[in-house]
Protein backbone atom coordinates (compact mmCIF):
# COMPACT_ATOMS: atom_id res chain seq x y z
CA MET A 1 -39.97 -15.00 -9.10
CA ARG A 2 -38.44 -12.88 -11.84
CA GLY A 3 -38.85 -9.74 -9.74
CA LEU A 4 -37.12 -11.43 -6.82
CA LEU A 5 -34.23 -12.47 -9.12
CA LEU A 6 -33.92 -8.89 -10.40
CA VAL A 7 -33.76 -7.56 -6.80
CA ILE A 8 -31.04 -10.18 -5.89
CA GLY A 9 -29.10 -9.30 -9.01
CA ALA A 10 -29.27 -5.64 -8.31
CA MET A 11 -28.11 -6.19 -4.73
CA CYS A 12 -25.18 -8.32 -5.92
CA ALA A 13 -24.24 -5.70 -8.48
CA LEU A 14 -24.26 -2.98 -5.77
CA LEU A 15 -22.13 -5.17 -3.51
CA VAL A 16 -19.60 -5.83 -6.30
CA ALA A 17 -19.52 -2.16 -7.11
CA TYR A 18 -18.92 -1.21 -3.48
CA VAL A 19 -16.13 -3.79 -3.12
CA MET A 20 -14.44 -2.46 -6.28
CA TYR A 21 -14.79 1.10 -4.91
CA LEU A 22 -13.17 0.03 -1.64
CA ALA A 23 -10.35 -1.78 -3.44
CA ASN A 24 -9.63 1.20 -5.61
CA ASP A 25 -9.74 3.62 -2.70
CA ALA A 26 -7.43 1.34 -0.72
CA GLY A 27 -4.84 1.56 -3.49
CA GLU A 28 -5.09 -2.03 -4.72
CA PHE A 29 -4.86 -1.01 -8.37
CA ARG A 30 -2.07 1.50 -7.94
CA THR A 31 1.14 1.00 -9.90
CA LEU A 32 4.03 1.10 -7.48
CA ALA A 33 7.78 1.47 -8.20
CA ASP A 34 10.47 0.90 -5.66
CA GLN A 35 12.20 4.06 -4.49
CA HIS A 36 14.92 3.73 -1.85
CA PRO A 37 17.74 5.94 -0.52
CA ASP A 38 21.16 4.70 -1.69
CA GLN A 39 22.17 3.33 1.71
CA CYS A 40 19.64 1.34 3.74
CA ARG A 41 20.40 -1.40 6.31
CA ARG A 42 18.29 -3.68 8.37
CA ILE A 43 18.48 -3.35 12.13
CA THR A 44 17.14 -6.50 13.87
CA GLY A 45 16.17 -7.30 17.37
CA MET A 46 12.99 -5.18 17.68
CA PRO A 47 10.02 -7.13 16.31
CA GLY A 48 6.84 -5.16 15.57
CA SER A 49 8.45 -1.69 15.76
CA GLU A 50 5.13 0.00 15.08
CA ASP A 51 6.22 3.51 16.20
CA ILE A 52 9.51 5.43 16.30
CA THR A 53 10.15 8.90 17.64
CA LEU A 54 13.34 10.99 17.65
CA HIS A 55 14.69 13.12 20.44
CA PRO A 56 14.52 16.69 19.12
CA GLU A 57 18.19 17.49 20.05
CA SER A 58 20.18 14.40 20.74
CA ARG A 59 20.51 11.63 18.14
CA PHE A 60 18.47 9.03 20.05
CA ALA A 61 15.46 7.19 18.60
CA TYR A 62 12.89 5.67 20.87
CA ILE A 63 11.17 2.60 19.39
CA SER A 64 7.95 0.78 20.43
CA SER A 65 8.30 -2.99 19.94
CA ASP A 66 5.75 -5.77 20.30
CA ASP A 67 6.01 -9.19 18.68
CA ARG A 68 2.45 -9.33 17.27
CA ARG A 69 3.13 -12.49 15.22
CA GLY A 70 4.05 -14.22 18.45
CA VAL A 71 0.79 -13.04 20.03
CA ILE A 72 -1.23 -14.25 17.04
CA ASN A 73 0.51 -17.62 17.13
CA GLY A 74 -0.12 -18.06 20.85
CA ASN A 75 3.48 -17.36 21.94
CA PRO A 76 3.39 -13.88 23.43
CA THR A 77 6.48 -12.21 24.79
CA PRO A 78 6.69 -8.86 26.67
CA GLY A 79 6.86 -5.79 24.58
CA ALA A 80 9.64 -3.26 24.94
CA ILE A 81 10.78 0.25 24.41
CA PHE A 82 14.18 0.44 22.78
CA ARG A 83 16.61 3.34 22.36
CA TYR A 84 18.73 3.39 19.21
CA ASP A 85 21.71 5.69 18.97
CA LEU A 86 22.04 7.26 15.49
CA SER A 87 25.47 8.67 16.36
CA SER A 88 27.00 5.31 17.37
CA ALA A 89 28.73 2.84 15.13
CA SER A 90 26.94 0.11 17.08
CA THR A 91 23.67 -1.18 15.63
CA THR A 92 22.53 -2.83 18.85
CA PRO A 93 19.52 -1.11 20.31
CA LEU A 94 19.22 -0.71 24.10
CA ASN A 95 16.16 -2.25 25.80
CA LEU A 96 14.89 0.36 28.26
CA THR A 97 12.19 -1.95 29.73
CA PRO A 98 14.05 -5.25 30.34
CA ASN A 99 11.79 -6.11 33.24
CA ALA A 100 8.45 -5.68 31.46
CA ASP A 101 5.86 -8.41 31.73
CA LEU A 102 3.25 -9.73 29.33
CA GLN A 103 0.95 -6.91 30.19
CA PHE A 104 3.27 -4.48 28.45
CA ARG A 105 2.07 -4.24 24.88
CA PRO A 106 3.25 -0.90 23.52
CA HIS A 107 1.78 0.75 20.47
CA GLY A 108 2.05 4.52 19.76
CA ILE A 109 4.60 6.59 21.67
CA SER A 110 5.48 10.24 22.11
CA LEU A 111 8.52 11.90 23.69
CA PHE A 112 8.11 15.31 25.33
CA VAL A 113 11.29 17.21 26.16
CA GLY A 114 11.01 20.22 28.43
CA ASP A 115 13.10 23.40 28.23
CA ASP A 116 15.20 22.07 31.08
CA GLY A 117 16.00 18.90 29.23
CA ARG A 118 13.62 16.69 31.28
CA GLU A 119 12.19 13.89 29.16
CA THR A 120 8.77 12.21 29.46
CA LEU A 121 7.78 9.24 27.32
CA PHE A 122 4.01 8.55 26.75
CA VAL A 123 3.14 5.03 25.64
CA VAL A 124 -0.18 3.58 24.38
CA ASN A 125 -0.44 0.15 25.96
CA HIS A 126 -2.81 -2.75 25.31
CA PRO A 127 -2.59 -4.98 28.38
CA GLY A 128 -5.93 -6.61 27.71
CA GLU A 129 -6.69 -6.48 23.95
CA SER A 130 -4.62 -7.20 20.91
CA LEU A 131 -3.86 -4.64 18.21
CA PHE A 132 -6.56 -5.99 15.94
CA GLY A 133 -9.26 -6.20 18.55
CA ALA A 134 -9.41 -9.92 19.62
CA PRO A 135 -10.15 -9.93 23.40
CA GLU A 136 -7.58 -11.72 25.50
CA GLY A 137 -8.33 -13.30 28.85
CA GLU A 138 -11.26 -12.58 31.10
CA ASN A 139 -9.71 -10.37 33.76
CA ASN A 140 -11.19 -7.11 34.97
CA GLU A 141 -8.16 -5.02 34.24
CA ALA A 142 -8.26 -2.17 31.71
CA LEU A 143 -7.99 -3.23 28.11
CA HIS A 144 -6.04 -0.10 27.28
CA THR A 145 -3.89 2.37 29.15
CA ILE A 146 -1.57 5.26 28.67
CA GLU A 147 1.71 4.61 30.52
CA VAL A 148 3.86 7.61 31.44
CA PHE A 149 7.63 7.21 31.93
CA ASP A 150 10.39 9.59 32.99
CA VAL A 151 13.55 8.97 30.96
CA VAL A 152 16.43 8.84 33.39
CA ASP A 153 19.92 8.09 32.07
CA ASN A 154 19.61 4.66 30.36
CA ALA A 155 16.32 3.63 31.85
CA LEU A 156 12.62 4.38 31.91
CA MET A 157 11.13 5.13 35.30
CA HIS A 158 7.43 4.40 35.37
CA ARG A 159 5.51 7.36 36.75
CA GLN A 160 1.83 6.89 36.08
CA THR A 161 -0.81 4.68 34.42
CA HIS A 162 -3.98 6.34 32.95
CA ALA A 163 -7.08 4.27 32.29
CA SER A 164 -10.43 5.63 31.20
CA GLU A 165 -13.64 4.70 29.48
CA TRP A 166 -12.56 7.20 26.85
CA LEU A 167 -9.72 4.84 25.82
CA ILE A 168 -11.87 2.71 23.54
CA SER A 169 -9.25 1.69 21.04
CA PRO A 170 -6.24 3.94 21.46
CA ASN A 171 -3.74 4.01 18.66
CA ASP A 172 -1.26 6.88 19.05
CA VAL A 173 -0.44 9.58 21.59
CA VAL A 174 1.23 13.00 21.61
CA GLY A 175 2.40 14.70 24.78
CA VAL A 176 2.05 18.50 25.04
CA ASP A 177 3.89 18.74 28.40
CA HIS A 178 4.95 16.32 31.12
CA ASP A 179 1.35 15.56 32.16
CA ARG A 180 -1.07 16.45 29.31
CA PHE A 181 -1.58 14.52 26.08
CA TYR A 182 -3.82 13.82 23.15
CA VAL A 183 -4.81 10.23 22.13
CA THR A 184 -6.43 8.88 18.95
CA ASN A 185 -9.09 6.17 19.18
CA ASP A 186 -8.97 4.32 15.84
CA HIS A 187 -12.48 2.92 16.52
CA GLY A 188 -15.57 4.09 18.31
CA ALA A 189 -16.94 0.61 18.74
CA GLY A 190 -15.54 -2.14 20.94
CA PRO A 191 -14.45 -5.55 19.70
CA GLY A 192 -17.10 -7.49 17.78
CA LEU A 193 -19.56 -7.08 14.88
CA MET A 194 -19.97 -3.34 15.25
CA ARG A 195 -16.25 -2.75 14.92
CA GLN A 196 -16.16 -4.90 11.82
CA LEU A 197 -18.99 -2.83 10.36
CA GLU A 198 -17.12 0.30 11.32
CA ASP A 199 -14.10 -0.93 9.38
CA TYR A 200 -15.79 -2.13 6.20
CA LEU A 201 -18.34 0.62 5.94
CA ARG A 202 -15.68 3.20 6.98
CA LEU A 203 -18.00 4.67 9.54
CA PRO A 204 -16.71 7.94 11.11
CA TRP A 205 -16.81 6.80 14.74
CA ALA A 206 -13.15 7.31 15.65
CA ASN A 207 -12.11 10.36 17.68
CA VAL A 208 -9.43 12.32 19.43
CA VAL A 209 -9.45 12.64 23.23
CA TYR A 210 -7.45 15.06 25.43
CA PHE A 211 -6.17 14.48 28.95
CA ASP A 212 -5.88 17.85 30.64
CA GLY A 213 -3.94 16.64 33.65
CA ASP A 214 -7.13 15.73 35.52
CA VAL A 215 -9.72 14.30 33.18
CA PHE A 216 -10.22 12.94 29.66
CA LYS A 217 -12.51 14.66 27.21
CA GLU A 218 -13.36 14.36 23.52
CA VAL A 219 -11.93 17.18 21.37
CA GLY A 220 -12.32 15.74 17.87
CA ASP A 221 -14.83 13.39 16.24
CA GLY A 222 -16.18 12.21 12.91
CA LEU A 223 -12.97 10.37 12.00
CA SER A 224 -12.57 7.13 10.11
CA PHE A 225 -9.81 5.02 11.65
CA ALA A 226 -7.93 7.86 13.36
CA ASN A 227 -4.35 6.71 13.50
CA GLY A 228 -1.11 8.75 13.97
CA ILE A 229 -1.22 12.06 15.87
CA ASN A 230 1.47 14.69 16.35
CA MET A 231 1.92 18.40 17.03
CA SER A 232 3.87 21.23 15.35
CA PRO A 233 7.04 22.38 17.05
CA ASP A 234 5.35 25.61 18.22
CA GLY A 235 2.39 23.68 19.68
CA THR A 236 -0.27 25.57 17.69
CA GLN A 237 -1.27 22.79 15.25
CA LEU A 238 -2.21 19.18 15.73
CA TYR A 239 -1.99 16.62 12.98
CA VAL A 240 -4.19 13.49 12.75
CA ALA A 241 -3.98 10.66 10.15
CA GLU A 242 -7.10 8.92 8.84
CA VAL A 243 -5.72 5.78 7.40
CA SER A 244 -8.88 4.51 5.69
CA ARG A 245 -9.56 7.86 4.01
CA ASN A 246 -5.96 8.53 2.97
CA LEU A 247 -6.13 11.87 4.77
CA VAL A 248 -4.23 14.00 7.26
CA ARG A 249 -6.27 16.54 9.21
CA ILE A 250 -4.71 19.70 10.47
CA TYR A 251 -6.28 21.28 13.52
CA GLN A 252 -5.69 24.61 15.13
CA ARG A 253 -4.98 24.01 18.80
CA ASN A 254 -5.89 26.07 21.79
CA PRO A 255 -2.94 25.52 24.19
CA GLY A 256 -4.93 26.72 27.17
CA THR A 257 -8.03 24.49 26.85
CA GLY A 258 -6.76 21.82 24.47
CA SER A 259 -9.72 22.30 22.18
CA LEU A 260 -9.29 21.77 18.39
CA SER A 261 -10.72 23.42 15.36
CA LEU A 262 -10.24 21.87 11.90
CA GLN A 263 -8.09 24.11 9.69
CA GLN A 264 -7.29 22.02 6.65
CA THR A 265 -7.39 18.48 5.20
CA ILE A 266 -4.63 16.95 3.06
CA ASP A 267 -5.23 13.97 0.72
CA VAL A 268 -1.89 12.06 0.96
CA GLY A 269 -2.95 9.36 -1.48
CA PHE A 270 -2.21 6.33 0.69
CA GLY A 271 -3.12 4.80 4.07
CA ALA A 272 -1.25 7.19 6.40
CA ASP A 273 -0.27 5.56 9.67
CA ASN A 274 2.08 7.34 12.12
CA ILE A 275 3.15 10.99 11.86
CA GLU A 276 6.61 12.16 13.00
CA ILE A 277 7.81 15.76 12.99
CA ASP A 278 11.26 17.13 12.02
CA PRO A 279 11.81 19.57 14.90
CA ALA A 280 14.15 21.73 12.84
CA THR A 281 11.86 22.26 9.83
CA GLY A 282 8.40 21.27 11.00
CA ASP A 283 8.17 18.84 8.13
CA LEU A 284 5.77 15.86 8.55
CA TRP A 285 7.15 12.39 7.95
CA ILE A 286 4.51 9.78 7.45
CA GLY A 287 4.76 6.02 7.04
CA GLY A 288 1.94 3.89 5.85
CA HIS A 289 0.29 1.48 3.50
CA PRO A 290 -0.14 2.18 -0.28
CA ARG A 291 -2.27 -0.97 -0.50
CA LEU A 292 -4.48 -1.27 2.55
CA LEU A 293 -6.25 -4.48 1.65
CA THR A 294 -2.91 -6.14 0.94
CA PHE A 295 -1.78 -5.02 4.42
CA LEU A 296 -4.76 -6.79 5.88
CA ARG A 297 -3.73 -9.97 4.09
CA HIS A 298 -0.16 -9.46 5.40
CA ALA A 299 -1.59 -9.10 8.93
CA ALA A 300 -3.29 -12.51 8.58
CA ASP A 301 -0.39 -14.23 6.75
CA GLY A 302 3.20 -13.13 7.22
CA SER A 303 4.25 -14.75 3.93
CA VAL A 304 2.29 -12.07 2.04
CA ASP A 305 4.39 -8.96 1.34
CA SER A 306 2.67 -5.61 1.92
CA PRO A 307 4.10 -2.51 0.22
CA SER A 308 5.50 0.28 2.30
CA GLN A 309 5.59 4.03 1.71
CA VAL A 310 7.11 7.07 3.54
CA VAL A 311 6.26 10.61 2.51
CA ARG A 312 7.50 13.97 3.62
CA ILE A 313 5.00 16.82 3.79
CA ARG A 314 6.41 20.37 3.72
CA GLN A 315 4.46 23.55 3.95
CA VAL A 316 4.93 25.80 0.94
CA GLY A 317 3.16 29.05 1.28
CA ALA A 318 -0.49 28.36 2.11
CA GLY A 319 -0.29 24.80 0.74
CA TYR A 320 1.66 21.66 1.29
CA GLN A 321 4.11 19.68 -0.90
CA ILE A 322 4.07 15.92 -0.64
CA THR A 323 7.23 14.01 -1.60
CA THR A 324 7.67 10.24 -1.51
CA GLU A 325 10.97 9.45 0.17
CA PHE A 326 10.65 5.70 0.36
CA MET A 327 8.59 3.13 -1.60
CA ASP A 328 9.06 -0.58 -1.37
CA SER A 329 7.16 -3.60 -2.64
CA GLY A 330 7.47 -5.19 0.76
CA GLU A 331 10.73 -6.98 0.09
CA LEU A 332 12.86 -4.74 2.28
CA ILE A 333 10.13 -4.12 4.82
CA SER A 334 6.46 -4.97 4.78
CA GLY A 335 3.61 -3.03 6.30
CA ALA A 336 5.56 0.09 7.26
CA SER A 337 3.75 2.10 9.90
CA VAL A 338 6.26 4.92 10.63
CA GLY A 339 9.01 6.93 9.09
CA ALA A 340 11.08 9.12 11.40
CA SER A 341 13.76 11.47 10.10
CA ASP A 342 16.09 14.15 11.31
CA GLY A 343 16.94 15.14 7.67
CA ARG A 344 20.01 12.94 7.67
CA ARG A 345 18.72 9.49 8.55
CA LEU A 346 15.40 7.87 7.97
CA LEU A 347 14.17 5.07 10.29
CA ILE A 348 11.32 2.96 9.07
CA GLY A 349 9.34 0.65 11.40
CA SER A 350 6.41 -1.72 10.79
CA VAL A 351 3.55 -3.48 12.47
CA PHE A 352 4.91 -7.01 12.20
CA GLU A 353 8.43 -7.23 10.79
CA ASP A 354 11.38 -8.39 12.87
CA HIS A 355 13.57 -5.39 11.84
CA ILE A 356 13.56 -1.69 11.06
CA MET A 357 15.25 0.01 8.17
CA ASP A 358 17.93 2.63 8.80
CA CYS A 359 18.55 4.71 5.67
CA SER A 360 21.00 7.48 5.06
CA LEU A 361 19.55 10.51 3.20
């Protein structure tokens, strides 16, 4: 009996130690101090603005919006892609998908602009599964798709839908031309117990897949919750965020084949979510979660504030300099998932909030 009690005690001690390790690694014991640009304003009307991307030449921002609180509470509404004009005095965003139905549930987005000015918007869509993995309905349609739109004047013209068994749990996308793109799968397991184990044991089952214009193929594996993805302005490097490991991976990219080779790993010190690129400087702007477990509580209960952080990563010689540009306790915006900047303005979106922050730098 005594031996059994010792074994049980040892197992409990190991469990407590592992929980403390997870909490520490998730930033729960970090000391945070608010750090805001002098001028920030709330822009409402775009709930759940999980991803934001900027046009590399004009002053338009494209914003992915999905009211996830409404979905959780059983009151779903169609998602939307908005365009927000940074050069206009108006703060009213333009809905580019006013006729979308309930099957449009946008997540990560990417804008590709060709040399001729032609614009293509790639959108991760979850028509059959919620962001956090709870199956919805019992139809035979694809749970996840990549939707491809041509940007024409003040509208999005739907061009193509891509569905594949490789789209297990797509999170973000980056287009490399008008037809080809990379996608992160934040999990390797489908909804259920195995996905929960993948989360809490931080199992490296996530991956990166590439669509070469004809077929999907895996080009990167061994990732733990692969999240944001983006590409350097010259197309030679690919950046992938691992939110549960507080890392950004830098891959050398073969433009011809799409294959990737790991070049460097950066510890950013917080749960990096989406990655945006300043086209003029190549700087990385990353929004995310300095306290990941608090964010999970926020996801379950909107009354719980979740701190938000945005950093800028700049290459200096052979290394990288990380600078915090925005830190908030969650009062201004909770659960930030993206920070997009052109060097003059910083737009911050989140997974659940009913607004974005527009800050002057």
